Amino acid sequence: MKKKDWDYIAKLEKAISKRYGSATVRNPRSTWDDKKEEDYLIQIKEFDKKELKTQEQSEKIELNGTYISKRFINRTREYACPVCLTYSTKLKDDMYMSKFECCHHCYVQWVEGREERWKTGWRPLQTKSDF
């Protein structure tokens, strides 16, 4: 094994220090103190909380033979469509309820192709008898 050339290492550190500043060759532990350690531990805990939340949201659940991300499942489920007032328990209606606040039937009839207008607040004036 080749011996270390300490003179070469010293020259190299001196050149790096001259070009990029003395902080580039300083040992990071030399400026570490209890306050920095405390801040670091707080940052680690916050990062872990965010990571755990992300993992929980990306977790998949099996529904009727299909794996769906947990974040797409609305726990407070609306069973009645606010547009046509029909009661629905279909899984595909959940997706349209969460995104467009209407059932699949109303999406096809009123929203499809007019998403921008729907997002601005437009709703049909018809009553349930018109459907």
C-alpha atoms as a PDB file:
ATOM      1  CA  MET A   1       0.000   0.000   0.000  1.00  0.00           C
ATOM      2  CA  LYS A   2       1.248   3.430  -0.922  1.00  0.00           C
ATOM      3  CA  LYS A   3       2.089   5.869   1.905  1.00  0.00           C
ATOM      4  CA  LYS A   4       0.221   9.161   2.094  1.00  0.00           C
ATOM      5  CA  ASP A   5       2.177  12.171   0.987  1.00  0.00           C
ATOM      6  CA  TRP A   6       1.289  14.626   3.734  1.00  0.00           C
ATOM      7  CA  ASP A   7       3.094  17.498   2.010  1.00  0.00           C
ATOM      8  CA  TYR A   8       0.990  17.014  -1.125  1.00  0.00           C
ATOM      9  CA  ILE A   9      -2.220  16.893   0.950  1.00  0.00           C
ATOM     10  CA  ALA A  10      -1.246  20.116   2.769  1.00  0.00           C
ATOM     11  CA  LYS A  11      -0.471  21.870  -0.539  1.00  0.00           C
ATOM     12  CA  LEU A  12      -3.753  20.691  -1.994  1.00  0.00           C
ATOM     13  CA  GLU A  13      -5.746  21.933   1.018  1.00  0.00           C
ATOM     14  CA  LYS A  14      -3.912  25.265   0.889  1.00  0.00           C
ATOM     15  CA  ALA A  15      -4.728  25.679  -2.826  1.00  0.00           C
ATOM     16  CA  ILE A  16      -8.383  24.778  -2.290  1.00  0.00           C
ATOM     17  CA  SER A  17      -8.586  27.169   0.669  1.00  0.00           C
ATOM     18  CA  LYS A  18      -7.012  29.967  -1.340  1.00  0.00           C
ATOM     19  CA  ARG A  19      -9.360  29.475  -4.292  1.00  0.00           C
ATOM     20  CA  TYR A  20     -12.678  28.658  -2.560  1.00  0.00           C
ATOM     21  CA  GLY A  21     -12.254  29.988   0.977  1.00  0.00           C
ATOM     22  CA  SER A  22     -11.218  28.517   4.298  1.00  0.00           C
ATOM     23  CA  ALA A  23     -14.685  27.060   4.989  1.00  0.00           C
ATOM     24  CA  THR A  24     -14.183  24.449   2.258  1.00  0.00           C
ATOM     25  CA  VAL A  25     -11.347  22.679   4.088  1.00  0.00           C
ATOM     26  CA  ARG A  26     -12.645  23.132   7.631  1.00  0.00           C
ATOM     27  CA  ASN A  27     -13.963  20.125   9.539  1.00  0.00           C
ATOM     28  CA  PRO A  28     -17.780  20.489   9.865  1.00  0.00           C
ATOM     29  CA  ARG A  29     -17.616  19.415  13.511  1.00  0.00           C
ATOM     30  CA  SER A  30     -15.555  22.485  14.389  1.00  0.00           C
ATOM     31  CA  THR A  31     -18.594  24.795  14.017  1.00  0.00           C
ATOM     32  CA  TRP A  32     -21.204  22.347  15.408  1.00  0.00           C
ATOM     33  CA  ASP A  33     -22.732  23.268  18.760  1.00  0.00           C
ATOM     34  CA  ASP A  34     -25.722  22.314  20.935  1.00  0.00           C
ATOM     35  CA  LYS A  35     -28.039  24.859  19.283  1.00  0.00           C
ATOM     36  CA  LYS A  36     -27.310  23.481  15.813  1.00  0.00           C
ATOM     37  CA  GLU A  37     -27.838  19.943  17.116  1.00  0.00           C
ATOM     38  CA  GLU A  38     -31.225  20.948  18.567  1.00  0.00           C
ATOM     39  CA  ASP A  39     -32.307  22.594  15.290  1.00  0.00           C
ATOM     40  CA  TYR A  40     -31.143  19.551  13.356  1.00  0.00           C
ATOM     41  CA  LEU A  41     -33.179  17.178  15.519  1.00  0.00           C
ATOM     42  CA  ILE A  42     -36.302  19.337  15.088  1.00  0.00           C
ATOM     43  CA  GLN A  43     -35.803  19.333  11.309  1.00  0.00           C
ATOM     44  CA  ILE A  44     -35.414  15.535  11.312  1.00  0.00           C
ATOM     45  CA  LYS A  45     -38.685  15.113  13.245  1.00  0.00           C
ATOM     46  CA  GLU A  46     -40.563  17.430  10.851  1.00  0.00           C
ATOM     47  CA  PHE A  47     -39.135  15.591   7.853  1.00  0.00           C
ATOM     48  CA  ASP A  48     -40.190  12.240   9.319  1.00  0.00           C
ATOM     49  CA  LYS A  49     -43.754  13.522   9.859  1.00  0.00           C
ATOM     50  CA  LYS A  50     -43.965  14.691   6.232  1.00  0.00           C
ATOM     51  CA  GLU A  51     -42.491  11.417   4.984  1.00  0.00           C
ATOM     52  CA  LEU A  52     -44.973   9.370   7.019  1.00  0.00           C
ATOM     53  CA  LYS A  53     -47.888  11.440   5.702  1.00  0.00           C
ATOM     54  CA  THR A  54     -46.678  10.933   2.123  1.00  0.00           C
ATOM     55  CA  GLN A  55     -46.350   7.193   2.651  1.00  0.00           C
ATOM     56  CA  GLU A  56     -49.861   6.979   4.116  1.00  0.00           C
ATOM     57  CA  GLN A  57     -51.322   8.856   1.150  1.00  0.00           C
ATOM     58  CA  SER A  58     -49.524   6.701  -1.400  1.00  0.00           C
ATOM     59  CA  GLU A  59     -50.612   3.474   0.304  1.00  0.00           C
ATOM     60  CA  LYS A  60     -52.855   1.354  -1.903  1.00  0.00           C
ATOM     61  CA  ILE A  61     -56.162  -0.207  -0.847  1.00  0.00           C
ATOM     62  CA  GLU A  62     -57.911  -2.998  -2.722  1.00  0.00           C
ATOM     63  CA  LEU A  63     -61.498  -2.214  -3.733  1.00  0.00           C
ATOM     64  CA  ASN A  64     -63.381  -4.701  -5.881  1.00  0.00           C
ATOM     65  CA  GLY A  65     -60.149  -6.232  -7.207  1.00  0.00           C
ATOM     66  CA  THR A  66     -58.559  -2.863  -8.057  1.00  0.00           C
ATOM     67  CA  TYR A  67     -55.809  -1.146  -6.086  1.00  0.00           C
ATOM     68  CA  ILE A  68     -56.563   2.520  -5.435  1.00  0.00           C
ATOM     69  CA  SER A  69     -54.409   5.074  -3.637  1.00  0.00           C
ATOM     70  CA  LYS A  70     -55.728   6.042  -0.202  1.00  0.00           C
ATOM     71  CA  ARG A  71     -55.700   9.733  -1.082  1.00  0.00           C
ATOM     72  CA  PHE A  72     -58.327   9.215  -3.800  1.00  0.00           C
ATOM     73  CA  ILE A  73     -60.778   7.633  -1.414  1.00  0.00           C
ATOM     74  CA  ASN A  74     -63.039  10.212   0.139  1.00  0.00           C
ATOM     75  CA  ARG A  75     -63.838   9.150   3.702  1.00  0.00           C
ATOM     76  CA  THR A  76     -66.740  11.570   4.071  1.00  0.00           C
ATOM     77  CA  ARG A  77     -68.779  10.224   1.222  1.00  0.00           C
ATOM     78  CA  GLU A  78     -71.696  12.029  -0.345  1.00  0.00           C
ATOM     79  CA  TYR A  79     -74.361   9.560  -1.424  1.00  0.00           C
ATOM     80  CA  ALA A  80     -76.758  11.998  -3.089  1.00  0.00           C
ATOM     81  CA  CYS A  81     -75.751  13.999  -6.144  1.00  0.00           C
ATOM     82  CA  PRO A  82     -76.278  17.733  -5.434  1.00  0.00           C
ATOM     83  CA  VAL A  83     -77.213  18.344  -9.100  1.00  0.00           C
ATOM     84  CA  CYS A  84     -79.795  15.640  -9.831  1.00  0.00           C
ATOM     85  CA  LEU A  85     -80.475  14.633  -6.201  1.00  0.00           C
ATOM     86  CA  THR A  86     -80.243  10.903  -7.007  1.00  0.00           C
ATOM     87  CA  TYR A  87     -78.905   8.456  -4.457  1.00  0.00           C
ATOM     88  CA  SER A  88     -75.851   6.519  -5.639  1.00  0.00           C
ATOM     89  CA  THR A  89     -73.520   3.943  -4.119  1.00  0.00           C
ATOM     90  CA  LYS A  90     -71.411   3.333  -7.240  1.00  0.00           C
ATOM     91  CA  LEU A  91     -67.655   3.544  -6.870  1.00  0.00           C
ATOM     92  CA  LYS A  92     -67.159   5.576 -10.058  1.00  0.00           C
ATOM     93  CA  ASP A  93     -69.571   8.201  -8.722  1.00  0.00           C
ATOM     94  CA  ASP A  94     -67.175   8.773  -5.795  1.00  0.00           C
ATOM     95  CA  MET A  95     -64.475   9.977  -8.174  1.00  0.00           C
ATOM     96  CA  TYR A  96     -66.817  12.394  -9.941  1.00  0.00           C
ATOM     97  CA  MET A  97     -68.229  13.578  -6.592  1.00  0.00           C
ATOM     98  CA  SER A  98     -64.773  14.410  -5.270  1.00  0.00           C
ATOM     99  CA  LYS A  99     -63.586  16.138  -8.430  1.00  0.00           C
ATOM    100  CA  PHE A 100     -66.725  17.720  -9.946  1.00  0.00           C
ATOM    101  CA  GLU A 101     -69.299  17.508  -7.125  1.00  0.00           C
ATOM    102  CA  CYS A 102     -71.736  15.513  -9.258  1.00  0.00           C
ATOM    103  CA  CYS A 103     -72.472  11.901 -10.176  1.00  0.00           C
ATOM    104  CA  HIS A 104     -71.218  10.161 -13.317  1.00  0.00           C
ATOM    105  CA  HIS A 105     -74.535  10.687 -15.118  1.00  0.00           C
ATOM    106  CA  CYS A 106     -74.485  14.446 -14.456  1.00  0.00           C
ATOM    107  CA  TYR A 107     -70.838  14.599 -15.471  1.00  0.00           C
ATOM    108  CA  VAL A 108     -71.638  13.079 -18.854  1.00  0.00           C
ATOM    109  CA  GLN A 109     -74.721  15.264 -19.345  1.00  0.00           C
ATOM    110  CA  TRP A 110     -73.518  18.626 -17.967  1.00  0.00           C
ATOM    111  CA  VAL A 111     -69.769  18.727 -17.351  1.00  0.00           C
ATOM    112  CA  GLU A 112     -67.972  16.736 -20.043  1.00  0.00           C
ATOM    113  CA  GLY A 113     -66.400  19.161 -22.506  1.00  0.00           C
ATOM    114  CA  ARG A 114     -67.340  22.157 -20.312  1.00  0.00           C
ATOM    115  CA  GLU A 115     -65.038  21.617 -17.320  1.00  0.00           C
ATOM    116  CA  GLU A 116     -63.846  25.217 -17.171  1.00  0.00           C
ATOM    117  CA  ARG A 117     -67.386  26.578 -16.993  1.00  0.00           C
ATOM    118  CA  TRP A 118     -68.273  23.994 -14.345  1.00  0.00           C
ATOM    119  CA  LYS A 119     -65.234  24.926 -12.232  1.00  0.00           C
ATOM    120  CA  THR A 120     -66.280  28.580 -12.282  1.00  0.00           C
ATOM    121  CA  GLY A 121     -69.550  27.645 -10.564  1.00  0.00           C
ATOM    122  CA  TRP A 122     -72.089  27.150 -13.326  1.00  0.00           C
ATOM    123  CA  ARG A 123     -74.800  24.578 -12.516  1.00  0.00           C
ATOM    124  CA  PRO A 124     -77.960  23.597 -14.472  1.00  0.00           C
ATOM    125  CA  LEU A 125     -81.241  25.123 -13.353  1.00  0.00           C
ATOM    126  CA  GLN A 126     -83.286  21.937 -13.954  1.00  0.00           C
ATOM    127  CA  THR A 127     -84.962  20.088 -11.125  1.00  0.00           C
ATOM    128  CA  LYS A 128     -85.039  16.334 -10.546  1.00  0.00           C
ATOM    129  CA  SER A 129     -88.093  15.928 -12.820  1.00  0.00           C
ATOM    130  CA  ASP A 130     -86.050  17.309 -15.758  1.00  0.00           C
ATOM    131  CA  PHE A 131     -83.544  14.468 -15.522  1.00  0.00           C
END
